[in-house]
Amino acid sequence: MSLEKLMTAKDITEVFGIELQRVYELTRRKLLPCVRLGKRQYRYSRQAIERFIADGGNQEKENNGGNNG
């Protein structure tokens, strides 16, 4: 059995080319899948990040009805 090594926010910037502040923003908004280890410590699964990117990344549901005008 092998356990996946979790990535830091800095690892994500180096591997995927996402700006560090963007990683923090997506984490804060609970859009980026992560594991919380402490008050301000997060780790990320590479597979989950790859899925997030493949699914289009930042896909929030905004305004259920859209423009009704």
Foldseek 3Di string as FASTA:
>chain_A
DDDADWAFLVRCCVPVVDDSVVSVVCVVVVNQDWDDDDPPGITHGPVSNVVCVVVPHDDDDDDVVPDPD
